[in-house]
């Protein structure tokens, strides 16, 4: 037990607790709205609720230490500066929602099991929320918000120059022409492949934007991630023919308005964004070792159409092979794949910093593993439904006068830190470092598909640690939109 004498050493102050609790509340409000308004897809193959709960627990026990390891090399705001130049899992929903909320939902579940008090792991909670805040402020620096929800459900991450570049480089599409057919086939095929890759979830795909091009046209950016042999062990051999791990599609839409692009990377448009409204497309690859988005097959409409068909063929073949592999898995293997997919959704921060370790990101911590016996489908469906839907867990109840955002219930999704630690209430500061984990899946092979070819993990980490994209050197990185608008601000 730690008391008030250690508050200063821990960096815990009244102001820090107030800020952290505000961030926790914002995450809770966002979680309730997203779970209330977004569609839920079931699975006949995967025990989804069971693997989601296990992922939350793994996140609680491991994220704080892994964040500290990353930040010992590269601060959150610098990682976000680099992530803005890529289409990788370091955006929405991976960092924008999942990183803080997976951790906080794991904490909430443990509080309700009676295994954790709200004041326990207080340093860990502050570490996670502070990292998230600084990442988000940097990631959203061009629109000046913390989340998409704060910006009326949109994310204008790109600079004006970047928008002009994507709009200028894309090839025009006419409904029914060769490029339109290739584009629609690619979007459908790779979406289905990514759905299976991520244990029948949507976390391998995200959207950002929109950006107004003129009165009738808008730009939407779509990222497909974790497509090749890189970080997920179940893609070893299966995805050996996939030439790119991350693909970004710049899409020009005519005659519709994207009125919602949320913190899960989902979108809604009025009228609906149908295939005939896609009037321009561009294709790019990127990762922690690339100079931003690198064009793929963009020499002409014909070469782009051929590239899209080739990638569709490869994704279809990989999908077939992956189905056969997964169909032979045990329940424990299915749970592990799903839990690791979710838990490792923010692993890209370790790739960018050059400190990725499969033992830290691709295994289940024994403190989380001990809950596996109770995670039946019936129990998991009920527990998850209470945690993010009905909000009927004891810790989620507030005073009767309370009126929760979006529902007016006397409830909340996430429990804040108690201020009583400032007046001497005892607390436990941290849960400690990750313990040696395990997985029912084969270990990851030492092949990592990057924009510099297939590298070993040691080569990938070493290259990431020394690489600084040109756009992230100070003279370029700090030439912000305000500086561009006011020449007197420039050096």
Foldseek 3Di string as FASTA:
>chain_A
DDAQVCCVVLVHDPVLQVVLQVLLQVLQQQLQVCVVPPDDDDDPQALQLLLLLLLLQQLQAAVLVVLVVLVVQPALLLLLLLCLLAQELAAFPNLQHQNLPSNQLNVVLCVLVVNFDLQAQVSSSSSSSVSSQNNQCNQQVQVRDNFCVVVQAAGPRDDPVVVVVFVVLWDWDAPPDLLLVLVVLLVVLLQVLLCVQQLNDRLQKAKHDWADPDPFKTKIKMKGAQQAQAQAQLRVVLRPVQQAGMKMKIWMFGHKAFSHQGRNRDTAIVPGRDSNRGTIIFMFGDALQDLGTHGDLRPDSVSSSVVSVVNSVSSNSSSVVSCVVSVPDDNQQSSLSNSLSSNCSNVRSCLLSLNDDCQSRRFRFVVSVVCSVVSDSVVSVVVVCCLRNVVPRPQFAAPCCAQRPPGGGRGTNGHRRDPCSVVIDDYHNRSDHGDGGHGPDDGRDQWHNHPVGTGGSNVSSVSSSPDDRPCSDVLNVPCGPVCVVPVVPHD
